[in-house]
Amino acid sequence: MKTLFARFAKDDSGATAIEYGLIAAGISVAIFAAVGLVGTQLNTLFTTVKTDLAG
């Protein structure tokens, strides 16, 4: 059992996949934040244009 645990502790073959997953998650969060910010600004802009055209 000790040797099995020692081999498991030394095995780092999945570490790269986990790192890439974390990087992808970070990029996704940044994209969602940017899209949310731009979407809010565009909504405000279109609302202003609509109000100016109607009035």
PDB file of N, CA and C in Angstrom:
ATOM      1  N   MET A   1       0.821  -1.188   0.000  1.00  0.00           N
ATOM      2  CA  MET A   1       0.000   0.000   0.000  1.00  0.00           C
ATOM      3  C   MET A   1       0.866   1.254   0.000  1.00  0.00           C
ATOM      4  N   LYS A   2       1.984   1.192   0.735  1.00  0.00           N
ATOM      5  CA  LYS A   2       2.890   2.342   0.788  1.00  0.00           C
ATOM      6  C   LYS A   2       3.470   2.654  -0.585  1.00  0.00           C
ATOM      7  N   THR A   3       3.844   1.622  -1.313  1.00  0.00           N
ATOM      8  CA  THR A   3       4.435   1.853  -2.634  1.00  0.00           C
ATOM      9  C   THR A   3       3.396   2.420  -3.604  1.00  0.00           C
ATOM     10  N   LEU A   4       2.160   1.989  -3.467  1.00  0.00           N
ATOM     11  CA  LEU A   4       1.101   2.519  -4.322  1.00  0.00           C
ATOM     12  C   LEU A   4       0.906   4.009  -4.061  1.00  0.00           C
ATOM     13  N   PHE A   5       0.876   4.396  -2.798  1.00  0.00           N
ATOM     14  CA  PHE A   5       0.733   5.808  -2.449  1.00  0.00           C
ATOM     15  C   PHE A   5       1.944   6.612  -2.898  1.00  0.00           C
ATOM     16  N   ALA A   6       3.128   6.056  -2.783  1.00  0.00           N
ATOM     17  CA  ALA A   6       4.347   6.752  -3.212  1.00  0.00           C
ATOM     18  C   ALA A   6       4.331   6.972  -4.720  1.00  0.00           C
ATOM     19  N   ARG A   7       3.918   5.964  -5.475  1.00  0.00           N
ATOM     20  CA  ARG A   7       3.817   6.142  -6.937  1.00  0.00           C
ATOM     21  C   ARG A   7       2.773   7.199  -7.286  1.00  0.00           C
ATOM     22  N   PHE A   8       1.646   7.189  -6.577  1.00  0.00           N
ATOM     23  CA  PHE A   8       0.594   8.176  -6.825  1.00  0.00           C
ATOM     24  C   PHE A   8       1.086   9.585  -6.520  1.00  0.00           C
ATOM     25  N   ALA A   9       1.849   9.753  -5.451  1.00  0.00           N
ATOM     26  CA  ALA A   9       2.359  11.067  -5.062  1.00  0.00           C
ATOM     27  C   ALA A   9       3.381  11.587  -6.075  1.00  0.00           C
ATOM     28  N   LYS A  10       4.170  10.694  -6.684  1.00  0.00           N
ATOM     29  CA  LYS A  10       5.184  11.098  -7.665  1.00  0.00           C
ATOM     30  C   LYS A  10       4.596  11.377  -9.039  1.00  0.00           C
ATOM     31  N   ASP A  11       3.438  10.823  -9.350  1.00  0.00           N
ATOM     32  CA  ASP A  11       2.841  10.951 -10.685  1.00  0.00           C
ATOM     33  C   ASP A  11       2.280  12.358 -10.874  1.00  0.00           C
ATOM     34  N   ASP A  12       2.851  13.094 -11.828  1.00  0.00           N
ATOM     35  CA  ASP A  12       2.367  14.453 -12.091  1.00  0.00           C
ATOM     36  C   ASP A  12       1.904  14.604 -13.534  1.00  0.00           C
ATOM     37  N   SER A  13       1.473  13.519 -14.133  1.00  0.00           N
ATOM     38  CA  SER A  13       1.071  13.568 -15.540  1.00  0.00           C
ATOM     39  C   SER A  13      -0.194  14.380 -15.759  1.00  0.00           C
ATOM     40  N   GLY A  14      -1.063  14.477 -14.775  1.00  0.00           N
ATOM     41  CA  GLY A  14      -2.295  15.243 -14.926  1.00  0.00           C
ATOM     42  C   GLY A  14      -2.146  16.708 -14.558  1.00  0.00           C
ATOM     43  N   ALA A  15      -0.991  17.104 -14.044  1.00  0.00           N
ATOM     44  CA  ALA A  15      -0.799  18.486 -13.591  1.00  0.00           C
ATOM     45  C   ALA A  15      -0.913  19.475 -14.744  1.00  0.00           C
ATOM     46  N   THR A  16      -0.392  19.144 -15.902  1.00  0.00           N
ATOM     47  CA  THR A  16      -0.446  20.052 -17.039  1.00  0.00           C
ATOM     48  C   THR A  16      -1.889  20.278 -17.480  1.00  0.00           C
ATOM     49  N   ALA A  17      -2.673  19.236 -17.510  1.00  0.00           N
ATOM     50  CA  ALA A  17      -4.080  19.374 -17.902  1.00  0.00           C
ATOM     51  C   ALA A  17      -4.830  20.258 -16.914  1.00  0.00           C
ATOM     52  N   ILE A  18      -4.550  20.107 -15.641  1.00  0.00           N
ATOM     53  CA  ILE A  18      -5.198  20.939 -14.622  1.00  0.00           C
ATOM     54  C   ILE A  18      -4.780  22.393 -14.785  1.00  0.00           C
ATOM     55  N   GLU A  19      -3.505  22.630 -15.056  1.00  0.00           N
ATOM     56  CA  GLU A  19      -3.031  24.003 -15.257  1.00  0.00           C
ATOM     57  C   GLU A  19      -3.700  24.641 -16.462  1.00  0.00           C
ATOM     58  N   TYR A  20      -3.806  23.908 -17.556  1.00  0.00           N
ATOM     59  CA  TYR A  20      -4.487  24.445 -18.744  1.00  0.00           C
ATOM     60  C   TYR A  20      -5.959  24.722 -18.446  1.00  0.00           C
ATOM     61  N   GLY A  21      -6.571  23.870 -17.668  1.00  0.00           N
ATOM     62  CA  GLY A  21      -7.965  24.095 -17.284  1.00  0.00           C
ATOM     63  C   GLY A  21      -8.136  25.357 -16.461  1.00  0.00           C
ATOM     64  N   LEU A  22      -7.215  25.593 -15.536  1.00  0.00           N
ATOM     65  CA  LEU A  22      -7.274  26.813 -14.726  1.00  0.00           C
ATOM     66  C   LEU A  22      -7.051  28.056 -15.572  1.00  0.00           C
ATOM     67  N   ILE A  23      -6.141  27.978 -16.528  1.00  0.00           N
ATOM     68  CA  ILE A  23      -5.893  29.117 -17.420  1.00  0.00           C
ATOM     69  C   ILE A  23      -7.145  29.399 -18.252  1.00  0.00           C
ATOM     70  N   ALA A  24      -7.763  28.352 -18.793  1.00  0.00           N
ATOM     71  CA  ALA A  24      -8.977  28.525 -19.588  1.00  0.00           C
ATOM     72  C   ALA A  24     -10.103  29.120 -18.749  1.00  0.00           C
ATOM     73  N   ALA A  25     -10.216  28.698 -17.509  1.00  0.00           N
ATOM     74  CA  ALA A  25     -11.249  29.246 -16.627  1.00  0.00           C
ATOM     75  C   ALA A  25     -11.001  30.726 -16.363  1.00  0.00           C
ATOM     76  N   GLY A  26      -9.752  31.108 -16.146  1.00  0.00           N
ATOM     77  CA  GLY A  26      -9.422  32.520 -15.928  1.00  0.00           C
ATOM     78  C   GLY A  26      -9.732  33.377 -17.134  1.00  0.00           C
ATOM     79  N   ILE A  27      -9.406  32.876 -18.311  1.00  0.00           N
ATOM     80  CA  ILE A  27      -9.707  33.608 -19.543  1.00  0.00           C
ATOM     81  C   ILE A  27     -11.214  33.740 -19.723  1.00  0.00           C
ATOM     82  N   SER A  28     -11.963  32.693 -19.419  1.00  0.00           N
ATOM     83  CA  SER A  28     -13.420  32.742 -19.533  1.00  0.00           C
ATOM     84  C   SER A  28     -14.020  33.797 -18.620  1.00  0.00           C
ATOM     85  N   VAL A  29     -13.536  33.882 -17.402  1.00  0.00           N
ATOM     86  CA  VAL A  29     -14.031  34.895 -16.462  1.00  0.00           C
ATOM     87  C   VAL A  29     -13.751  36.289 -16.993  1.00  0.00           C
ATOM     88  N   ALA A  30     -12.556  36.505 -17.544  1.00  0.00           N
ATOM     89  CA  ALA A  30     -12.211  37.816 -18.097  1.00  0.00           C
ATOM     90  C   ALA A  30     -13.104  38.166 -19.287  1.00  0.00           C
ATOM     91  N   ILE A  31     -13.387  37.198 -20.136  1.00  0.00           N
ATOM     92  CA  ILE A  31     -14.257  37.452 -21.296  1.00  0.00           C
ATOM     93  C   ILE A  31     -15.673  37.784 -20.836  1.00  0.00           C
ATOM     94  N   PHE A  32     -16.201  37.040 -19.880  1.00  0.00           N
ATOM     95  CA  PHE A  32     -17.548  37.325 -19.388  1.00  0.00           C
ATOM     96  C   PHE A  32     -17.635  38.714 -18.772  1.00  0.00           C
ATOM     97  N   ALA A  33     -16.609  39.109 -18.027  1.00  0.00           N
ATOM     98  CA  ALA A  33     -16.610  40.440 -17.421  1.00  0.00           C
ATOM     99  C   ALA A  33     -16.561  41.528 -18.492  1.00  0.00           C
ATOM    100  N   ALA A  34     -15.736  41.349 -19.496  1.00  0.00           N
ATOM    101  CA  ALA A  34     -15.622  42.346 -20.565  1.00  0.00           C
ATOM    102  C   ALA A  34     -16.910  42.454 -21.356  1.00  0.00           C
ATOM    103  N   VAL A  35     -17.526  41.333 -21.683  1.00  0.00           N
ATOM    104  CA  VAL A  35     -18.781  41.341 -22.442  1.00  0.00           C
ATOM    105  C   VAL A  35     -19.890  41.990 -21.613  1.00  0.00           C
ATOM    106  N   GLY A  36     -19.920  41.714 -20.340  1.00  0.00           N
ATOM    107  CA  GLY A  36     -20.928  42.330 -19.471  1.00  0.00           C
ATOM    108  C   GLY A  36     -20.768  43.833 -19.406  1.00  0.00           C
ATOM    109  N   LEU A  37     -19.547  44.301 -19.300  1.00  0.00           N
ATOM    110  CA  LEU A  37     -19.287  45.740 -19.231  1.00  0.00           C
ATOM    111  C   LEU A  37     -19.650  46.419 -20.546  1.00  0.00           C
ATOM    112  N   VAL A  38     -19.222  45.876 -21.651  1.00  0.00           N
ATOM    113  CA  VAL A  38     -19.513  46.458 -22.964  1.00  0.00           C
ATOM    114  C   VAL A  38     -21.010  46.394 -23.241  1.00  0.00           C
ATOM    115  N   GLY A  39     -21.658  45.308 -22.867  1.00  0.00           N
ATOM    116  CA  GLY A  39     -23.097  45.178 -23.071  1.00  0.00           C
ATOM    117  C   GLY A  39     -23.872  46.242 -22.324  1.00  0.00           C
ATOM    118  N   THR A  40     -23.479  46.530 -21.099  1.00  0.00           N
ATOM    119  CA  THR A  40     -24.133  47.561 -20.312  1.00  0.00           C
ATOM    120  C   THR A  40     -23.943  48.929 -20.952  1.00  0.00           C
ATOM    121  N   GLN A  41     -22.741  49.210 -21.403  1.00  0.00           N
ATOM    122  CA  GLN A  41     -22.465  50.498 -22.045  1.00  0.00           C
ATOM    123  C   GLN A  41     -23.247  50.645 -23.352  1.00  0.00           C
ATOM    124  N   LEU A  42     -23.334  49.580 -24.137  1.00  0.00           N
ATOM    125  CA  LEU A  42     -24.098  49.636 -25.378  1.00  0.00           C
ATOM    126  C   LEU A  42     -25.592  49.834 -25.105  1.00  0.00           C
ATOM    127  N   ASN A  43     -26.089  49.189 -24.095  1.00  0.00           N
ATOM    128  CA  ASN A  43     -27.492  49.352 -23.740  1.00  0.00           C
ATOM    129  C   ASN A  43     -27.781  50.805 -23.372  1.00  0.00           C
ATOM    130  N   THR A  44     -26.906  51.417 -22.605  1.00  0.00           N
ATOM    131  CA  THR A  44     -27.059  52.824 -22.234  1.00  0.00           C
ATOM    132  C   THR A  44     -27.003  53.712 -23.464  1.00  0.00           C
ATOM    133  N   LEU A  45     -26.078  53.445 -24.352  1.00  0.00           N
ATOM    134  CA  LEU A  45     -25.941  54.240 -25.575  1.00  0.00           C
ATOM    135  C   LEU A  45     -27.197  54.147 -26.432  1.00  0.00           C
ATOM    136  N   PHE A  46     -27.700  52.951 -26.660  1.00  0.00           N
ATOM    137  CA  PHE A  46     -28.891  52.780 -27.495  1.00  0.00           C
ATOM    138  C   PHE A  46     -30.127  53.408 -26.846  1.00  0.00           C
ATOM    139  N   THR A  47     -30.215  53.329 -25.523  1.00  0.00           N
ATOM    140  CA  THR A  47     -31.330  53.950 -24.819  1.00  0.00           C
ATOM    141  C   THR A  47     -31.274  55.469 -24.998  1.00  0.00           C
ATOM    142  N   THR A  48     -30.096  56.052 -24.908  1.00  0.00           N
ATOM    143  CA  THR A  48     -29.931  57.489 -25.103  1.00  0.00           C
ATOM    144  C   THR A  48     -30.304  57.900 -26.522  1.00  0.00           C
ATOM    145  N   VAL A  49     -29.854  57.148 -27.500  1.00  0.00           N
ATOM    146  CA  VAL A  49     -30.180  57.445 -28.899  1.00  0.00           C
ATOM    147  C   VAL A  49     -31.693  57.345 -29.122  1.00  0.00           C
ATOM    148  N   LYS A  50     -32.310  56.317 -28.575  1.00  0.00           N
ATOM    149  CA  LYS A  50     -33.755  56.133 -28.724  1.00  0.00           C
ATOM    150  C   LYS A  50     -34.513  57.321 -28.102  1.00  0.00           C
ATOM    151  N   THR A  51     -34.078  57.741 -26.934  1.00  0.00           N
ATOM    152  CA  THR A  51     -34.732  58.857 -26.248  1.00  0.00           C
ATOM    153  C   THR A  51     -34.576  60.154 -27.056  1.00  0.00           C
ATOM    154  N   ASP A  52     -33.367  60.389 -27.588  1.00  0.00           N
ATOM    155  CA  ASP A  52     -33.123  61.591 -28.376  1.00  0.00           C
ATOM    156  C   ASP A  52     -33.932  61.595 -29.674  1.00  0.00           C
ATOM    157  N   LEU A  53     -34.080  60.454 -30.290  1.00  0.00           N
ATOM    158  CA  LEU A  53     -34.846  60.380 -31.544  1.00  0.00           C
ATOM    159  C   LEU A  53     -36.346  60.534 -31.288  1.00  0.00           C
ATOM    160  N   ALA A  54     -36.827  60.024 -30.176  1.00  0.00           N
ATOM    161  CA  ALA A  54     -38.258  60.088 -29.859  1.00  0.00           C
ATOM    162  C   ALA A  54     -38.655  61.499 -29.411  1.00  0.00           C
ATOM    163  N   GLY A  55     -37.734  62.242 -28.831  1.00  0.00           N
ATOM    164  CA  GLY A  55     -38.083  63.535 -28.239  1.00  0.00           C
ATOM    165  C   GLY A  55     -37.877  64.681 -29.095  1.00  0.00           C
TER     166      GLY A  55
END
